[in-house]
């Protein structure tokens, strides 16, 4: 079985912070993920595009590849993400982390946002529902970006989730991406800009030297 994998782009010198990228998946699937996975490859593209700007700010980017493709109730994907957070700490100590998730990755992110290293979540075309927790975001910042032509996940559900999170999060914001769809192919540069700008804005008040 294919195991977890981290694609690591550490900033030159000592990392001041980290962006952990979490890719999408399916509601249910036990299929192992390999390098042909479209969801993982889309997240790899995202990571490559945001890394130069992250490095300019002294921030590293890591991309997690889960063990399996499916959400499958969430426990295993959450365990994958918590493992990755432990790996960040092992390599860089207690640096602040933003979880940058696309689709199912945004769902994974809010389930593990209570990790002590996490200072915020950025969700791109997130898959959120009334079943997903907001208590994990207490003291954290949430930014969501969603297009209105998304036919895979729901702009309306994202709006509802952000409204719930407002009661507990340090900040919760929804960016309306207009007539864009789910896979972040159309308007890719806009998605990448929102991803890095939101991540760095969250980290800006937390990194050493700020």
C-alpha atoms as a PDB file:
ATOM      1  CA  UNK A   1       0.000   0.000   0.000  1.00  0.00           C
ATOM      2  CA  UNK A   2       1.225   3.487  -0.853  1.00  0.00           C
ATOM      3  CA  UNK A   3       2.055   5.361   2.324  1.00  0.00           C
ATOM      4  CA  UNK A   4       1.861   8.981   3.323  1.00  0.00           C
ATOM      5  CA  UNK A   5       4.198  11.314   1.494  1.00  0.00           C
ATOM      6  CA  UNK A   6       5.345  14.883   2.076  1.00  0.00           C
ATOM      7  CA  UNK A   7       6.585  17.101  -0.749  1.00  0.00           C
ATOM      8  CA  UNK A   8       8.746  19.622   1.088  1.00  0.00           C
ATOM      9  CA  UNK A   9       9.922  23.037  -0.075  1.00  0.00           C
ATOM     10  CA  UNK A  10      11.628  24.562   2.945  1.00  0.00           C
ATOM     11  CA  UNK A  11      12.439  28.250   2.928  1.00  0.00           C
ATOM     12  CA  UNK A  12      16.136  29.160   2.816  1.00  0.00           C
ATOM     13  CA  UNK A  13      17.565  29.437   6.315  1.00  0.00           C
ATOM     14  CA  UNK A  14      15.413  28.831   9.365  1.00  0.00           C
ATOM     15  CA  UNK A  15      11.712  28.502   8.618  1.00  0.00           C
ATOM     16  CA  UNK A  16       9.660  31.231  10.250  1.00  0.00           C
ATOM     17  CA  UNK A  17       6.377  29.491   9.445  1.00  0.00           C
ATOM     18  CA  UNK A  18       4.868  26.742   7.306  1.00  0.00           C
ATOM     19  CA  UNK A  19       2.000  26.326   4.867  1.00  0.00           C
ATOM     20  CA  UNK A  20       0.764  22.722   4.860  1.00  0.00           C
ATOM     21  CA  UNK A  21      -1.175  21.956   1.664  1.00  0.00           C
ATOM     22  CA  UNK A  22      -3.972  19.360   1.841  1.00  0.00           C
ATOM     23  CA  UNK A  23      -5.404  18.001  -1.414  1.00  0.00           C
ATOM     24  CA  UNK A  24      -8.882  16.844  -2.346  1.00  0.00           C
ATOM     25  CA  UNK A  25     -10.390  13.398  -2.655  1.00  0.00           C
ATOM     26  CA  UNK A  26     -13.648  11.477  -2.754  1.00  0.00           C
ATOM     27  CA  UNK A  27     -16.377  10.848  -0.165  1.00  0.00           C
ATOM     28  CA  UNK A  28     -15.498   7.154  -0.054  1.00  0.00           C
ATOM     29  CA  UNK A  29     -12.541   5.314  -1.545  1.00  0.00           C
ATOM     30  CA  UNK A  30      -9.844   2.997  -0.235  1.00  0.00           C
ATOM     31  CA  UNK A  31      -7.758   3.480  -3.368  1.00  0.00           C
ATOM     32  CA  UNK A  32      -4.133   4.286  -2.530  1.00  0.00           C
ATOM     33  CA  UNK A  33      -2.901   7.609  -3.873  1.00  0.00           C
ATOM     34  CA  UNK A  34       0.049   7.725  -6.220  1.00  0.00           C
ATOM     35  CA  UNK A  35       1.623  10.323  -8.461  1.00  0.00           C
ATOM     36  CA  UNK A  36      -1.169   9.969 -11.033  1.00  0.00           C
ATOM     37  CA  UNK A  37      -3.840  11.308  -8.679  1.00  0.00           C
ATOM     38  CA  UNK A  38      -5.505  14.351 -10.259  1.00  0.00           C
ATOM     39  CA  UNK A  39      -6.349  15.863  -6.872  1.00  0.00           C
ATOM     40  CA  UNK A  40      -2.801  15.494  -5.600  1.00  0.00           C
ATOM     41  CA  UNK A  41      -1.335  16.813  -8.860  1.00  0.00           C
ATOM     42  CA  UNK A  42      -3.598  19.878  -8.714  1.00  0.00           C
ATOM     43  CA  UNK A  43      -2.359  20.552  -5.177  1.00  0.00           C
ATOM     44  CA  UNK A  44       1.235  20.038  -6.333  1.00  0.00           C
ATOM     45  CA  UNK A  45       0.682  22.717  -8.987  1.00  0.00           C
ATOM     46  CA  UNK A  46      -0.754  25.002  -6.311  1.00  0.00           C
ATOM     47  CA  UNK A  47       2.254  24.392  -4.082  1.00  0.00           C
ATOM     48  CA  UNK A  48       4.710  25.130  -6.887  1.00  0.00           C
ATOM     49  CA  UNK A  49       2.956  28.374  -7.765  1.00  0.00           C
ATOM     50  CA  UNK A  50       2.820  29.754  -4.214  1.00  0.00           C
ATOM     51  CA  UNK A  51       6.252  28.605  -3.036  1.00  0.00           C
ATOM     52  CA  UNK A  52       8.342  31.506  -4.448  1.00  0.00           C
ATOM     53  CA  UNK A  53       6.202  34.089  -2.646  1.00  0.00           C
ATOM     54  CA  UNK A  54       6.160  31.974   0.496  1.00  0.00           C
ATOM     55  CA  UNK A  55       9.955  31.715   0.467  1.00  0.00           C
ATOM     56  CA  UNK A  56      10.288  35.480   0.072  1.00  0.00           C
ATOM     57  CA  UNK A  57       8.427  35.752   3.383  1.00  0.00           C
ATOM     58  CA  UNK A  58      10.579  33.076   5.045  1.00  0.00           C
ATOM     59  CA  UNK A  59       7.752  30.540   4.919  1.00  0.00           C
ATOM     60  CA  UNK A  60       8.066  26.923   3.796  1.00  0.00           C
ATOM     61  CA  UNK A  61       5.461  24.882   1.925  1.00  0.00           C
ATOM     62  CA  UNK A  62       4.778  21.208   2.477  1.00  0.00           C
ATOM     63  CA  UNK A  63       2.220  19.111   0.601  1.00  0.00           C
ATOM     64  CA  UNK A  64       0.747  16.014   2.216  1.00  0.00           C
ATOM     65  CA  UNK A  65      -0.288  13.013   0.119  1.00  0.00           C
ATOM     66  CA  UNK A  66      -2.782  10.902   2.089  1.00  0.00           C
ATOM     67  CA  UNK A  67      -2.652   7.158   2.316  1.00  0.00           C
ATOM     68  CA  UNK A  68      -6.067   6.725   0.657  1.00  0.00           C
ATOM     69  CA  UNK A  69      -8.255   8.760  -1.660  1.00  0.00           C
ATOM     70  CA  UNK A  70     -11.461   8.799   0.395  1.00  0.00           C
ATOM     71  CA  UNK A  71     -12.728  10.854   3.296  1.00  0.00           C
ATOM     72  CA  UNK A  72     -14.233   7.625   4.653  1.00  0.00           C
ATOM     73  CA  UNK A  73     -15.655   9.248   7.756  1.00  0.00           C
ATOM     74  CA  UNK A  74     -12.641  11.437   8.349  1.00  0.00           C
ATOM     75  CA  UNK A  75     -10.662   9.622  11.024  1.00  0.00           C
ATOM     76  CA  UNK A  76      -7.917   8.298   8.748  1.00  0.00           C
ATOM     77  CA  UNK A  77      -7.469  11.520   6.772  1.00  0.00           C
ATOM     78  CA  UNK A  78      -7.344  13.494  10.016  1.00  0.00           C
ATOM     79  CA  UNK A  79      -4.695  11.071  11.268  1.00  0.00           C
ATOM     80  CA  UNK A  80      -2.709  11.686   8.079  1.00  0.00           C
ATOM     81  CA  UNK A  81      -2.837  15.445   8.627  1.00  0.00           C
ATOM     82  CA  UNK A  82      -1.913  15.199  12.309  1.00  0.00           C
ATOM     83  CA  UNK A  83       1.052  13.030  11.330  1.00  0.00           C
ATOM     84  CA  UNK A  84       2.162  15.742   8.895  1.00  0.00           C
ATOM     85  CA  UNK A  85       1.878  18.397  11.617  1.00  0.00           C
ATOM     86  CA  UNK A  86       4.028  16.243  13.878  1.00  0.00           C
ATOM     87  CA  UNK A  87       6.573  16.004  11.060  1.00  0.00           C
ATOM     88  CA  UNK A  88       6.626  19.794  10.714  1.00  0.00           C
ATOM     89  CA  UNK A  89       7.350  20.121  14.429  1.00  0.00           C
ATOM     90  CA  UNK A  90      10.041  17.457  14.289  1.00  0.00           C
ATOM     91  CA  UNK A  91      11.790  19.325  11.470  1.00  0.00           C
ATOM     92  CA  UNK A  92      11.197  22.963  12.428  1.00  0.00           C
ATOM     93  CA  UNK A  93       9.976  23.147  16.008  1.00  0.00           C
ATOM     94  CA  UNK A  94       6.899  25.081  17.049  1.00  0.00           C
ATOM     95  CA  UNK A  95       6.627  27.319  13.985  1.00  0.00           C
ATOM     96  CA  UNK A  96       3.139  28.635  13.159  1.00  0.00           C
ATOM     97  CA  UNK A  97       1.284  26.696  10.482  1.00  0.00           C
ATOM     98  CA  UNK A  98      -1.515  27.545   8.073  1.00  0.00           C
ATOM     99  CA  UNK A  99      -3.495  24.649   6.639  1.00  0.00           C
ATOM    100  CA  UNK A 100      -4.247  25.313   2.954  1.00  0.00           C
ATOM    101  CA  UNK A 101      -6.833  22.831   1.761  1.00  0.00           C
ATOM    102  CA  UNK A 102      -8.678  22.301  -1.522  1.00  0.00           C
ATOM    103  CA  UNK A 103     -12.087  20.606  -1.472  1.00  0.00           C
ATOM    104  CA  UNK A 104     -11.799  17.579   0.847  1.00  0.00           C
ATOM    105  CA  UNK A 105      -8.467  18.993   2.012  1.00  0.00           C
ATOM    106  CA  UNK A 106     -10.316  21.961   3.489  1.00  0.00           C
ATOM    107  CA  UNK A 107     -12.557  19.519   5.338  1.00  0.00           C
ATOM    108  CA  UNK A 108      -9.538  17.697   6.725  1.00  0.00           C
ATOM    109  CA  UNK A 109      -8.096  21.071   7.735  1.00  0.00           C
ATOM    110  CA  UNK A 110     -10.998  22.141   9.938  1.00  0.00           C
ATOM    111  CA  UNK A 111     -11.029  18.764  11.677  1.00  0.00           C
ATOM    112  CA  UNK A 112      -7.384  19.143  12.763  1.00  0.00           C
ATOM    113  CA  UNK A 113      -7.248  22.936  13.206  1.00  0.00           C
ATOM    114  CA  UNK A 114      -7.144  22.480  16.987  1.00  0.00           C
ATOM    115  CA  UNK A 115      -3.532  21.321  16.685  1.00  0.00           C
ATOM    116  CA  UNK A 116      -1.397  23.739  18.742  1.00  0.00           C
ATOM    117  CA  UNK A 117       0.785  24.698  15.757  1.00  0.00           C
ATOM    118  CA  UNK A 118      -2.153  25.721  13.578  1.00  0.00           C
ATOM    119  CA  UNK A 119      -2.968  29.437  13.431  1.00  0.00           C
ATOM    120  CA  UNK A 120      -5.428  29.368  10.579  1.00  0.00           C
ATOM    121  CA  UNK A 121      -7.142  27.565   7.728  1.00  0.00           C
ATOM    122  CA  UNK A 122      -7.498  28.628   4.106  1.00  0.00           C
ATOM    123  CA  UNK A 123     -10.136  26.594   2.278  1.00  0.00           C
ATOM    124  CA  UNK A 124     -10.343  26.656  -1.532  1.00  0.00           C
ATOM    125  CA  UNK A 125     -13.649  25.391  -2.967  1.00  0.00           C
ATOM    126  CA  UNK A 126     -14.114  23.701   0.410  1.00  0.00           C
ATOM    127  CA  UNK A 127     -16.246  20.650   1.094  1.00  0.00           C
ATOM    128  CA  UNK A 128     -17.931  21.647   4.354  1.00  0.00           C
ATOM    129  CA  UNK A 129     -21.276  20.717   5.839  1.00  0.00           C
ATOM    130  CA  UNK A 130     -23.296  21.105   9.023  1.00  0.00           C
ATOM    131  CA  UNK A 131     -21.518  17.974  10.293  1.00  0.00           C
ATOM    132  CA  UNK A 132     -18.099  19.639  10.355  1.00  0.00           C
ATOM    133  CA  UNK A 133     -16.823  21.229  13.584  1.00  0.00           C
ATOM    134  CA  UNK A 134     -16.137  24.896  14.186  1.00  0.00           C
ATOM    135  CA  UNK A 135     -14.883  24.570  17.778  1.00  0.00           C
ATOM    136  CA  UNK A 136     -11.499  23.530  16.354  1.00  0.00           C
ATOM    137  CA  UNK A 137     -11.160  27.069  14.973  1.00  0.00           C
ATOM    138  CA  UNK A 138     -11.292  28.790  18.361  1.00  0.00           C
ATOM    139  CA  UNK A 139      -8.563  31.437  18.346  1.00  0.00           C
ATOM    140  CA  UNK A 140      -7.713  30.677  14.705  1.00  0.00           C
ATOM    141  CA  UNK A 141      -8.401  32.563  11.483  1.00  0.00           C
ATOM    142  CA  UNK A 142     -10.512  31.082   8.692  1.00  0.00           C
ATOM    143  CA  UNK A 143     -10.506  32.211   5.068  1.00  0.00           C
ATOM    144  CA  UNK A 144     -12.679  30.463   2.486  1.00  0.00           C
ATOM    145  CA  UNK A 145     -12.748  31.041  -1.270  1.00  0.00           C
ATOM    146  CA  UNK A 146     -15.545  29.572  -3.366  1.00  0.00           C
ATOM    147  CA  UNK A 147     -16.791  29.999  -6.930  1.00  0.00           C
ATOM    148  CA  UNK A 148     -20.479  30.171  -7.756  1.00  0.00           C
ATOM    149  CA  UNK A 149     -20.178  27.733 -10.679  1.00  0.00           C
ATOM    150  CA  UNK A 150     -18.903  24.969  -8.422  1.00  0.00           C
ATOM    151  CA  UNK A 151     -20.983  21.838  -9.069  1.00  0.00           C
ATOM    152  CA  UNK A 152     -18.964  19.568  -6.780  1.00  0.00           C
ATOM    153  CA  UNK A 153     -19.074  21.428  -3.469  1.00  0.00           C
ATOM    154  CA  UNK A 154     -21.562  24.043  -2.348  1.00  0.00           C
ATOM    155  CA  UNK A 155     -21.046  27.806  -2.161  1.00  0.00           C
ATOM    156  CA  UNK A 156     -24.149  27.940   0.051  1.00  0.00           C
ATOM    157  CA  UNK A 157     -22.786  25.360   2.500  1.00  0.00           C
ATOM    158  CA  UNK A 158     -19.494  27.245   2.658  1.00  0.00           C
ATOM    159  CA  UNK A 159     -21.399  30.426   3.474  1.00  0.00           C
ATOM    160  CA  UNK A 160     -23.208  28.623   6.284  1.00  0.00           C
ATOM    161  CA  UNK A 161     -20.019  27.132   7.656  1.00  0.00           C
ATOM    162  CA  UNK A 162     -18.214  30.490   7.692  1.00  0.00           C
ATOM    163  CA  UNK A 163     -21.200  32.030   9.490  1.00  0.00           C
ATOM    164  CA  UNK A 164     -20.999  29.324  12.174  1.00  0.00           C
ATOM    165  CA  UNK A 165     -17.239  29.749  12.498  1.00  0.00           C
ATOM    166  CA  UNK A 166     -17.595  33.493  13.059  1.00  0.00           C
ATOM    167  CA  UNK A 167     -18.856  32.820  16.574  1.00  0.00           C
ATOM    168  CA  UNK A 168     -15.632  31.091  17.665  1.00  0.00           C
ATOM    169  CA  UNK A 169     -12.826  31.974  15.248  1.00  0.00           C
ATOM    170  CA  UNK A 170     -10.505  34.956  15.629  1.00  0.00           C
ATOM    171  CA  UNK A 171     -11.674  35.877  12.141  1.00  0.00           C
ATOM    172  CA  UNK A 172     -13.767  34.219   9.430  1.00  0.00           C
ATOM    173  CA  UNK A 173     -13.984  35.518   5.878  1.00  0.00           C
ATOM    174  CA  UNK A 174     -15.524  34.279   2.625  1.00  0.00           C
ATOM    175  CA  UNK A 175     -14.038  35.337  -0.705  1.00  0.00           C
ATOM    176  CA  UNK A 176     -16.588  35.126  -3.525  1.00  0.00           C
ATOM    177  CA  UNK A 177     -14.685  33.869  -6.582  1.00  0.00           C
ATOM    178  CA  UNK A 178     -17.574  34.647  -8.914  1.00  0.00           C
ATOM    179  CA  UNK A 179     -18.092  32.524 -12.008  1.00  0.00           C
ATOM    180  CA  UNK A 180     -15.381  29.962 -11.246  1.00  0.00           C
ATOM    181  CA  UNK A 181     -15.740  26.217 -10.788  1.00  0.00           C
ATOM    182  CA  UNK A 182     -14.386  23.579  -8.484  1.00  0.00           C
ATOM    183  CA  UNK A 183     -11.102  22.363  -9.898  1.00  0.00           C
ATOM    184  CA  UNK A 184      -9.337  25.745  -9.971  1.00  0.00           C
ATOM    185  CA  UNK A 185      -8.359  25.337 -13.626  1.00  0.00           C
ATOM    186  CA  UNK A 186     -10.217  28.367 -14.931  1.00  0.00           C
ATOM    187  CA  UNK A 187      -8.905  31.434 -13.167  1.00  0.00           C
ATOM    188  CA  UNK A 188      -5.992  29.470 -11.732  1.00  0.00           C
ATOM    189  CA  UNK A 189      -3.894  32.585 -11.115  1.00  0.00           C
ATOM    190  CA  UNK A 190      -6.715  34.111  -9.044  1.00  0.00           C
ATOM    191  CA  UNK A 191      -6.950  30.953  -6.949  1.00  0.00           C
ATOM    192  CA  UNK A 192      -3.194  30.902  -6.395  1.00  0.00           C
ATOM    193  CA  UNK A 193      -3.171  34.576  -5.417  1.00  0.00           C
ATOM    194  CA  UNK A 194      -5.958  34.110  -2.877  1.00  0.00           C
ATOM    195  CA  UNK A 195      -4.183  31.050  -1.488  1.00  0.00           C
ATOM    196  CA  UNK A 196      -0.819  32.694  -0.847  1.00  0.00           C
ATOM    197  CA  UNK A 197      -2.115  36.132   0.114  1.00  0.00           C
ATOM    198  CA  UNK A 198      -4.550  34.684   2.647  1.00  0.00           C
ATOM    199  CA  UNK A 199      -1.967  32.289   4.075  1.00  0.00           C
ATOM    200  CA  UNK A 200       0.673  34.985   4.503  1.00  0.00           C
ATOM    201  CA  UNK A 201      -1.856  37.408   5.983  1.00  0.00           C
ATOM    202  CA  UNK A 202      -2.740  34.845   8.656  1.00  0.00           C
ATOM    203  CA  UNK A 203       0.900  34.101   9.376  1.00  0.00           C
ATOM    204  CA  UNK A 204       1.962  37.749   9.364  1.00  0.00           C
ATOM    205  CA  UNK A 205       0.898  38.379  12.946  1.00  0.00           C
ATOM    206  CA  UNK A 206       2.457  35.169  14.233  1.00  0.00           C
ATOM    207  CA  UNK A 207       5.877  34.657  12.656  1.00  0.00           C
ATOM    208  CA  UNK A 208       8.994  35.502  14.600  1.00  0.00           C
ATOM    209  CA  UNK A 209      10.169  39.030  13.946  1.00  0.00           C
ATOM    210  CA  UNK A 210       6.670  40.410  13.371  1.00  0.00           C
END
